């Protein structure tokens, strides 16, 4: 699944992503850390995966593959 970074707090390593259909999904530090990122910028395209509860479990750059 892909989206665009809407917000990002570098101190908390959390933020939110807008999916292409306009749905906003928050992500936490655990999802950020799982993607191996160092930072994100507003408007940046990202890949994300959801867990069974619909929570973002991994977020990474659109040019990087999602970890398995």
N, C-alpha and C. Protein backbone atom coordinates (compact mmCIF):
# COMPACT_ATOMS: atom_id res chain seq x y z
N UNK A 1 0.85 -1.16 0.00
CA UNK A 1 0.00 0.00 0.00
C UNK A 1 0.90 1.23 0.00
N UNK A 2 0.48 2.28 -0.69
CA UNK A 2 1.26 3.51 -0.73
C UNK A 2 0.45 4.70 -0.23
N UNK A 3 1.17 5.72 0.19
CA UNK A 3 0.55 6.95 0.64
C UNK A 3 1.56 8.08 0.61
N UNK A 4 1.13 9.22 1.15
CA UNK A 4 1.94 10.43 1.18
C UNK A 4 2.03 10.92 2.62
N UNK A 5 3.22 11.28 3.05
CA UNK A 5 3.39 11.77 4.42
C UNK A 5 2.61 13.07 4.60
N UNK A 6 1.73 13.08 5.59
CA UNK A 6 0.96 14.28 5.92
C UNK A 6 1.62 15.03 7.07
N UNK A 7 2.02 14.29 8.11
CA UNK A 7 2.71 14.90 9.24
C UNK A 7 3.83 13.97 9.68
N UNK A 8 4.86 14.56 10.29
CA UNK A 8 5.93 13.77 10.87
C UNK A 8 6.60 14.57 11.98
N UNK A 9 6.72 13.96 13.16
CA UNK A 9 7.40 14.55 14.32
C UNK A 9 8.70 13.78 14.52
N UNK A 10 9.83 14.41 14.20
CA UNK A 10 11.13 13.73 14.29
C UNK A 10 11.46 13.30 15.71
N UNK A 11 11.07 14.08 16.69
CA UNK A 11 11.36 13.74 18.08
C UNK A 11 10.62 12.49 18.53
N UNK A 12 9.38 12.36 18.14
CA UNK A 12 8.56 11.21 18.52
C UNK A 12 8.65 10.08 17.51
N UNK A 13 9.23 10.35 16.32
CA UNK A 13 9.32 9.39 15.22
C UNK A 13 7.94 8.85 14.85
N UNK A 14 6.95 9.73 14.84
CA UNK A 14 5.59 9.33 14.51
C UNK A 14 4.94 10.40 13.65
N UNK A 15 3.79 10.07 13.08
CA UNK A 15 3.09 11.03 12.24
C UNK A 15 1.88 10.41 11.61
N UNK A 16 1.55 10.88 10.40
CA UNK A 16 0.40 10.33 9.69
C UNK A 16 0.66 10.33 8.20
N UNK A 17 -0.07 9.46 7.52
CA UNK A 17 0.04 9.28 6.08
C UNK A 17 -1.35 9.40 5.47
N UNK A 18 -1.43 10.04 4.31
CA UNK A 18 -2.67 10.07 3.55
C UNK A 18 -2.59 9.03 2.45
N UNK A 19 -3.56 8.11 2.45
CA UNK A 19 -3.64 7.14 1.37
C UNK A 19 -4.17 7.84 0.12
N UNK A 20 -4.04 7.19 -1.01
CA UNK A 20 -4.48 7.80 -2.26
C UNK A 20 -5.98 8.07 -2.28
N UNK A 21 -6.75 7.35 -1.47
CA UNK A 21 -8.20 7.58 -1.41
C UNK A 21 -8.58 8.68 -0.41
N UNK A 22 -7.57 9.32 0.21
CA UNK A 22 -7.83 10.41 1.15
C UNK A 22 -7.91 9.99 2.61
N UNK A 23 -7.85 8.70 2.89
CA UNK A 23 -7.88 8.20 4.26
C UNK A 23 -6.57 8.55 4.96
N UNK A 24 -6.69 9.09 6.16
CA UNK A 24 -5.50 9.41 6.95
C UNK A 24 -5.25 8.29 7.96
N UNK A 25 -4.01 7.80 7.99
CA UNK A 25 -3.61 6.75 8.93
C UNK A 25 -2.43 7.24 9.77
N UNK A 26 -2.54 7.17 11.09
CA UNK A 26 -1.39 7.53 11.93
C UNK A 26 -0.40 6.38 11.98
N UNK A 27 0.86 6.70 12.24
CA UNK A 27 1.87 5.68 12.49
C UNK A 27 2.68 6.08 13.70
N UNK A 28 3.18 5.07 14.42
CA UNK A 28 3.95 5.33 15.64
C UNK A 28 5.43 5.04 15.42
N UNK A 29 6.21 5.22 16.47
CA UNK A 29 7.66 5.04 16.38
C UNK A 29 8.02 3.60 16.01
N UNK A 30 7.25 2.62 16.47
CA UNK A 30 7.55 1.22 16.14
C UNK A 30 7.44 0.98 14.64
N UNK A 31 6.43 1.54 13.99
CA UNK A 31 6.26 1.39 12.53
C UNK A 31 7.39 2.11 11.80
N UNK A 32 7.76 3.29 12.28
CA UNK A 32 8.86 4.04 11.68
C UNK A 32 10.17 3.26 11.80
N UNK A 33 10.46 2.75 12.98
CA UNK A 33 11.70 2.00 13.22
C UNK A 33 11.74 0.71 12.39
N UNK A 34 10.59 0.06 12.19
CA UNK A 34 10.54 -1.19 11.43
C UNK A 34 10.94 -0.99 9.97
N UNK A 35 10.78 0.24 9.46
CA UNK A 35 11.12 0.52 8.07
C UNK A 35 12.55 0.93 7.86
N UNK A 36 13.32 1.09 8.93
CA UNK A 36 14.74 1.44 8.81
C UNK A 36 15.01 2.86 8.34
N UNK A 37 14.08 3.76 8.60
CA UNK A 37 14.24 5.15 8.15
C UNK A 37 14.97 5.99 9.18
N UNK A 38 15.46 7.14 8.73
CA UNK A 38 16.06 8.12 9.64
C UNK A 38 15.20 9.36 9.76
N UNK A 39 14.46 9.71 8.70
CA UNK A 39 13.55 10.85 8.74
C UNK A 39 12.58 10.78 7.58
N UNK A 40 11.54 11.59 7.66
CA UNK A 40 10.56 11.74 6.58
C UNK A 40 10.28 13.22 6.38
N UNK A 41 9.76 13.55 5.20
CA UNK A 41 9.37 14.94 4.89
C UNK A 41 7.91 14.97 4.47
N UNK A 42 7.26 16.07 4.73
CA UNK A 42 5.89 16.30 4.27
C UNK A 42 5.83 16.09 2.77
N UNK A 43 4.84 15.35 2.30
CA UNK A 43 4.64 15.14 0.88
C UNK A 43 5.43 13.99 0.28
N UNK A 44 6.26 13.34 1.07
CA UNK A 44 7.07 12.23 0.58
C UNK A 44 6.20 10.99 0.38
N UNK A 45 6.43 10.26 -0.72
CA UNK A 45 5.70 9.02 -1.00
C UNK A 45 6.33 7.89 -0.19
N UNK A 46 5.47 7.07 0.40
CA UNK A 46 5.93 5.96 1.24
C UNK A 46 5.13 4.69 0.95
N UNK A 47 5.75 3.56 1.27
CA UNK A 47 5.07 2.27 1.31
C UNK A 47 4.72 2.00 2.76
N UNK A 48 3.60 1.34 3.00
CA UNK A 48 3.25 0.98 4.35
C UNK A 48 2.53 -0.35 4.38
N UNK A 49 2.63 -1.02 5.50
CA UNK A 49 1.93 -2.28 5.73
C UNK A 49 1.09 -2.13 6.98
N UNK A 50 -0.06 -2.80 6.98
CA UNK A 50 -0.96 -2.78 8.13
C UNK A 50 -0.93 -4.14 8.80
N UNK A 51 -1.10 -4.14 10.13
CA UNK A 51 -1.22 -5.40 10.84
C UNK A 51 -2.68 -5.86 10.82
N UNK A 52 -2.99 -6.92 11.54
CA UNK A 52 -4.34 -7.48 11.54
C UNK A 52 -5.39 -6.55 12.12
N UNK A 53 -4.96 -5.57 12.92
CA UNK A 53 -5.91 -4.63 13.52
C UNK A 53 -6.10 -3.38 12.68
N UNK A 54 -5.40 -3.28 11.55
CA UNK A 54 -5.50 -2.10 10.69
C UNK A 54 -4.55 -0.98 11.07
N UNK A 55 -3.63 -1.25 11.99
CA UNK A 55 -2.64 -0.28 12.43
C UNK A 55 -1.41 -0.37 11.52
N UNK A 56 -0.82 0.78 11.21
CA UNK A 56 0.40 0.78 10.39
C UNK A 56 1.51 0.08 11.18
N UNK A 57 2.07 -0.98 10.59
CA UNK A 57 3.12 -1.74 11.28
C UNK A 57 4.50 -1.43 10.73
N UNK A 58 4.58 -0.98 9.47
CA UNK A 58 5.85 -0.64 8.83
C UNK A 58 5.60 0.53 7.88
N UNK A 59 6.52 1.48 7.88
CA UNK A 59 6.49 2.57 6.91
C UNK A 59 7.91 2.76 6.39
N UNK A 60 8.03 2.86 5.09
CA UNK A 60 9.34 3.06 4.47
C UNK A 60 9.17 3.84 3.18
N UNK A 61 10.26 4.29 2.60
CA UNK A 61 10.20 5.07 1.37
C UNK A 61 9.63 4.23 0.23
N UNK A 62 8.98 4.88 -0.71
CA UNK A 62 8.36 4.16 -1.82
C UNK A 62 9.39 3.47 -2.70
N UNK A 63 10.65 3.90 -2.63
CA UNK A 63 11.71 3.27 -3.42
C UNK A 63 12.33 2.07 -2.71
N UNK A 64 11.96 1.84 -1.45
CA UNK A 64 12.48 0.70 -0.67
C UNK A 64 11.41 -0.39 -0.62
N UNK A 65 11.82 -1.65 -0.63
CA UNK A 65 10.83 -2.72 -0.44
C UNK A 65 10.41 -2.80 1.02
N UNK A 66 9.20 -3.26 1.24
CA UNK A 66 8.75 -3.49 2.61
C UNK A 66 9.50 -4.69 3.17
N UNK A 67 9.95 -4.63 4.44
CA UNK A 67 10.61 -5.79 5.03
C UNK A 67 9.62 -6.95 5.15
N UNK A 68 10.13 -8.13 5.05
CA UNK A 68 9.26 -9.33 5.17
C UNK A 68 9.24 -9.86 6.55
